[in-house]
Amino acid sequence: MKRSRMKLIAIVTSIAGSAIALLAWSQTWFGLVLASGAGAHVDAEVIAVPGSVASPALAALGLAGLALAAALALAGPAISIVLGVLEVVLGGCLVLASALALADPVAAVSASVTEATGVAGDRPTAELVGAAVATAWPTVAVAGGVLVVAAGVLVLATGTRWAGSSRRYRSGLEPADGSQPAQRGAAERAVDDWDELSRGDDPTDDAVDDAEASTDPADDTADTTVDPADDTTGPEPTR
């Protein structure tokens, strides 16, 4: 498999896992039913508990996963290994945050119990919970975390073979081979003239000096040509 394709798969998997976790965080995780005589100030019999209440840390972890995916797109072989380790840890945190809510639904819905009844504290709110029925979204969040972990493992396995960026940034006046440019464009000359004017220099002075320093080759030829009529030396007479 090509190195660019492996990198693309890792990035897409990371984005997918983080996006799934964020989507699950915004959905209903539990249907809360209060115990009889709880004195809840709500009209509905079942209280919907969203993921933002059951697992509030999931949003920050999902956003961090998206940021890591963006960093992977720019990373070279060395940095990708560090990012791969971070991604495995981040995916593990996503799985843990979702699994804890599934393992202890009473603690996950305690904030909703307090909001409905005004009773606070772990033990009092636990006594007021009649039932807490989980939906499929906590499991979806776990799956998103597993995808992020898989993306991190793929980065660790293939990141050293990723091609680094070979692009080099050069000035627009300097060719890539290091040679001097043969001729500057009008735009570059205009910028240089503006810089000289900003410093208080007149860019036309150089043009005048160049014009005075240059001479016409025809004039030099005319100065050095000797008129045959003016040559009075002639041949030396014989004796």
Protein backbone atom coordinates (compact mmCIF):
# COMPACT_ATOMS: atom_id res chain seq x y z
CA MET A 1 0.00 0.00 0.00
CA LYS A 2 1.31 3.46 -0.86
CA ARG A 3 2.55 5.68 1.94
CA SER A 4 0.21 8.52 0.98
CA ARG A 5 -2.77 6.15 1.11
CA MET A 6 -1.83 4.88 4.58
CA LYS A 7 -1.57 8.44 5.81
CA LEU A 8 -4.94 9.31 4.29
CA ILE A 9 -6.60 6.29 5.90
CA ALA A 10 -5.20 7.23 9.32
CA ILE A 11 -6.41 10.82 9.01
CA VAL A 12 -9.89 9.86 7.77
CA THR A 13 -10.27 7.25 10.53
CA SER A 14 -9.31 9.80 13.17
CA ILE A 15 -11.77 12.35 11.82
CA ALA A 16 -14.55 9.75 11.61
CA GLY A 17 -14.02 8.52 15.17
CA SER A 18 -13.92 12.02 16.62
CA ALA A 19 -16.98 13.13 14.66
CA ILE A 20 -18.94 10.06 15.80
CA ALA A 21 -18.04 10.81 19.42
CA LEU A 22 -19.19 14.43 19.04
CA LEU A 23 -22.43 13.34 17.40
CA ALA A 24 -23.14 10.85 20.17
CA TRP A 25 -22.39 13.50 22.81
CA SER A 26 -25.21 15.67 21.44
CA GLN A 27 -27.84 12.88 21.57
CA THR A 28 -29.95 11.33 24.33
CA TRP A 29 -28.06 8.69 26.32
CA PHE A 30 -30.52 7.68 29.02
CA GLY A 31 -34.22 7.75 29.68
CA LEU A 32 -34.57 8.63 33.37
CA VAL A 33 -37.59 7.55 35.37
CA LEU A 34 -37.79 8.95 38.90
CA ALA A 35 -38.89 6.83 41.81
CA SER A 36 -42.42 7.28 43.07
CA GLY A 37 -42.74 10.10 45.58
CA ALA A 38 -39.59 11.81 44.39
CA GLY A 39 -41.39 15.12 44.09
CA ALA A 40 -40.06 15.96 40.64
CA HIS A 41 -41.13 19.28 39.22
CA VAL A 42 -41.58 17.98 35.70
CA ASP A 43 -44.61 17.01 33.69
CA ALA A 44 -42.98 14.27 31.64
CA GLU A 45 -42.76 10.81 33.08
CA VAL A 46 -39.44 10.02 31.39
CA ILE A 47 -36.59 12.53 31.50
CA ALA A 48 -34.19 12.52 28.56
CA VAL A 49 -30.57 12.70 29.72
CA PRO A 50 -28.24 13.88 26.90
CA GLY A 51 -24.63 12.88 26.48
CA SER A 52 -23.56 16.38 27.49
CA VAL A 53 -24.87 15.56 30.99
CA ALA A 54 -23.97 11.88 31.17
CA SER A 55 -20.41 12.37 29.84
CA PRO A 56 -19.53 16.07 29.65
CA ALA A 57 -15.83 15.48 28.85
CA LEU A 58 -16.70 13.82 25.56
CA ALA A 59 -16.99 17.10 23.65
CA ALA A 60 -13.49 18.28 24.54
CA LEU A 61 -12.03 14.88 23.69
CA GLY A 62 -13.79 14.81 20.32
CA LEU A 63 -12.54 18.29 19.41
CA ALA A 64 -9.02 17.28 20.42
CA GLY A 65 -9.30 14.30 18.07
CA LEU A 66 -10.19 16.59 15.17
CA ALA A 67 -7.23 18.83 15.99
CA LEU A 68 -4.92 15.82 16.02
CA ALA A 69 -6.21 14.77 12.61
CA ALA A 70 -5.36 18.21 11.24
CA ALA A 71 -1.88 17.97 12.76
CA LEU A 72 -1.36 14.56 11.17
CA ALA A 73 -2.01 16.04 7.75
CA LEU A 74 1.05 18.29 8.17
CA ALA A 75 3.30 16.01 10.21
CA GLY A 76 6.44 14.31 8.97
CA PRO A 77 7.74 10.88 9.99
CA ALA A 78 9.17 11.94 13.36
CA ILE A 79 6.27 14.08 14.57
CA SER A 80 3.71 11.53 13.39
CA ILE A 81 4.97 9.01 15.96
CA VAL A 82 4.37 11.49 18.78
CA LEU A 83 0.93 12.29 17.42
CA GLY A 84 0.19 8.58 17.10
CA VAL A 85 0.88 8.05 20.81
CA LEU A 86 -1.34 11.01 21.69
CA GLU A 87 -4.10 9.66 19.48
CA VAL A 88 -4.05 6.25 21.14
CA VAL A 89 -4.30 7.93 24.55
CA LEU A 90 -7.08 10.22 23.33
CA GLY A 91 -9.07 7.35 21.87
CA GLY A 92 -8.68 5.43 25.11
CA CYS A 93 -10.07 8.42 27.01
CA LEU A 94 -13.07 8.54 24.66
CA VAL A 95 -13.76 4.86 25.27
CA LEU A 96 -13.32 5.26 29.03
CA ALA A 97 -15.60 8.30 29.30
CA SER A 98 -18.37 6.51 27.41
CA ALA A 99 -17.93 3.18 29.17
CA LEU A 100 -18.07 4.77 32.62
CA ALA A 101 -21.48 6.23 31.82
CA LEU A 102 -22.71 2.84 30.65
CA ALA A 103 -21.26 1.07 33.67
CA ASP A 104 -22.86 3.44 36.21
CA PRO A 105 -25.99 5.01 34.71
CA VAL A 106 -27.24 6.21 38.10
CA ALA A 107 -24.16 8.42 38.54
CA ALA A 108 -24.43 9.54 34.91
CA VAL A 109 -27.99 10.84 35.38
CA SER A 110 -27.47 12.37 38.83
CA ALA A 111 -27.18 15.91 37.41
CA SER A 112 -30.58 15.52 35.73
CA VAL A 113 -32.08 14.22 39.00
CA THR A 114 -30.78 17.30 40.81
CA GLU A 115 -32.20 19.59 38.13
CA ALA A 116 -35.61 17.90 38.32
CA THR A 117 -35.95 17.55 42.09
CA GLY A 118 -33.51 20.03 43.59
CA VAL A 119 -31.88 17.22 45.57
CA ALA A 120 -28.08 17.10 45.44
CA GLY A 121 -25.53 14.52 46.55
CA ASP A 122 -24.65 11.10 45.26
CA ARG A 123 -26.62 9.02 47.76
CA PRO A 124 -29.82 11.12 47.82
CA THR A 125 -30.00 11.34 44.02
CA ALA A 126 -29.36 7.61 43.69
CA GLU A 127 -32.35 6.92 45.93
CA LEU A 128 -34.57 9.02 43.65
CA VAL A 129 -33.66 7.14 40.47
CA GLY A 130 -36.39 4.67 39.56
CA ALA A 131 -34.79 3.56 36.27
CA ALA A 132 -32.17 4.75 33.85
CA VAL A 133 -32.56 3.09 30.47
CA ALA A 134 -29.60 3.52 28.14
CA THR A 135 -30.03 4.25 24.46
CA ALA A 136 -27.66 3.16 21.69
CA TRP A 137 -25.69 6.42 21.70
CA PRO A 138 -23.28 5.55 24.54
CA THR A 139 -22.29 2.46 22.57
CA VAL A 140 -21.84 4.62 19.46
CA ALA A 141 -19.52 6.88 21.43
CA VAL A 142 -17.47 3.87 22.48
CA ALA A 143 -17.21 2.86 18.83
CA GLY A 144 -15.97 6.33 17.96
CA GLY A 145 -13.26 6.05 20.58
CA VAL A 146 -12.23 2.66 19.22
CA LEU A 147 -11.83 4.20 15.76
CA VAL A 148 -9.56 6.90 17.16
CA VAL A 149 -7.45 4.26 18.89
CA ALA A 150 -7.23 2.31 15.63
CA ALA A 151 -6.12 5.46 13.82
CA GLY A 152 -3.39 6.01 16.41
CA VAL A 153 -2.17 2.42 16.08
CA LEU A 154 -2.06 2.81 12.29
CA VAL A 155 0.01 5.97 12.67
CA LEU A 156 2.46 4.21 14.98
CA ALA A 157 2.76 1.28 12.58
CA THR A 158 3.21 3.27 9.38
CA GLY A 159 4.16 6.81 10.39
CA THR A 160 7.90 6.26 9.99
CA ARG A 161 7.34 5.44 6.33
CA TRP A 162 5.38 8.59 5.60
CA ALA A 163 7.04 10.95 3.18
CA GLY A 164 8.14 14.28 4.63
CA SER A 165 7.42 17.57 2.93
CA SER A 166 10.06 18.32 0.28
CA ARG A 167 8.78 21.76 -0.57
CA ARG A 168 11.20 24.61 -0.06
CA TYR A 169 10.10 28.18 0.05
CA ARG A 170 12.28 30.64 -1.87
CA SER A 171 12.10 34.28 -2.72
CA GLY A 172 10.35 35.13 -5.94
CA LEU A 173 13.62 36.73 -7.18
CA GLU A 174 15.75 33.64 -6.51
CA PRO A 175 15.54 30.57 -8.78
CA ALA A 176 15.39 27.10 -7.23
CA ASP A 177 18.91 26.23 -8.49
CA GLY A 178 20.45 29.12 -6.58
CA SER A 179 21.53 31.06 -9.68
CA GLN A 180 20.84 34.75 -10.01
CA PRO A 181 17.78 35.71 -12.05
CA ALA A 182 18.48 36.94 -15.54
CA GLN A 183 15.87 39.65 -15.47
CA ARG A 184 13.52 40.97 -12.84
CA GLY A 185 9.90 41.56 -13.58
CA ALA A 186 8.27 44.96 -13.61
CA ALA A 187 6.43 44.19 -10.37
CA GLU A 188 9.67 43.50 -8.47
CA ARG A 189 11.27 46.67 -9.82
CA ALA A 190 8.25 48.70 -8.77
CA VAL A 191 8.46 47.29 -5.25
CA ASP A 192 12.18 48.14 -5.03
CA ASP A 193 11.54 51.67 -6.28
CA TRP A 194 8.83 52.13 -3.70
CA ASP A 195 11.17 50.93 -0.93
CA GLU A 196 13.82 53.42 -2.02
CA LEU A 197 11.28 56.24 -2.02
CA SER A 198 10.21 55.22 1.49
CA ARG A 199 13.84 55.56 2.63
CA GLY A 200 14.10 59.00 1.03
CA ASP A 201 16.19 57.89 -1.97
CA ASP A 202 15.38 58.80 -5.56
CA PRO A 203 15.43 55.60 -7.68
CA THR A 204 15.91 57.69 -10.84
CA ASP A 205 19.40 58.71 -9.72
CA ASP A 206 20.74 55.25 -10.46
CA ALA A 207 19.17 55.30 -13.91
CA VAL A 208 20.81 58.64 -14.69
CA ASP A 209 24.20 57.41 -13.46
CA ASP A 210 23.89 54.29 -15.58
CA ALA A 211 23.00 56.37 -18.63
CA GLU A 212 26.01 58.64 -18.15
CA ALA A 213 28.38 55.74 -17.54
CA SER A 214 27.33 53.91 -20.68
CA THR A 215 28.92 55.03 -23.97
CA ASP A 216 28.14 54.37 -27.59
CA PRO A 217 30.59 51.87 -29.12
CA ALA A 218 30.36 53.79 -32.39
CA ASP A 219 31.73 56.89 -30.67
CA ASP A 220 34.72 54.96 -29.32
CA THR A 221 35.44 53.64 -32.80
CA ALA A 222 35.23 57.11 -34.27
CA ASP A 223 37.66 58.49 -31.67
CA THR A 224 40.26 55.85 -32.34
CA THR A 225 40.06 55.92 -36.18
CA VAL A 226 42.88 57.83 -37.90
CA ASP A 227 42.13 59.83 -41.02
CA PRO A 228 44.58 58.82 -43.82
CA ALA A 229 44.76 62.47 -44.97
CA ASP A 230 46.10 63.52 -41.57
CA ASP A 231 48.86 60.93 -41.63
CA THR A 232 51.99 62.99 -42.54
CA THR A 233 54.54 60.49 -41.59
CA GLY A 234 54.55 58.67 -44.94
CA PRO A 235 57.24 56.20 -45.96
CA GLU A 236 60.85 57.01 -45.23
CA PRO A 237 62.65 58.22 -48.42
CA THR A 238 65.38 56.02 -49.84
CA ARG A 239 68.97 57.30 -50.01
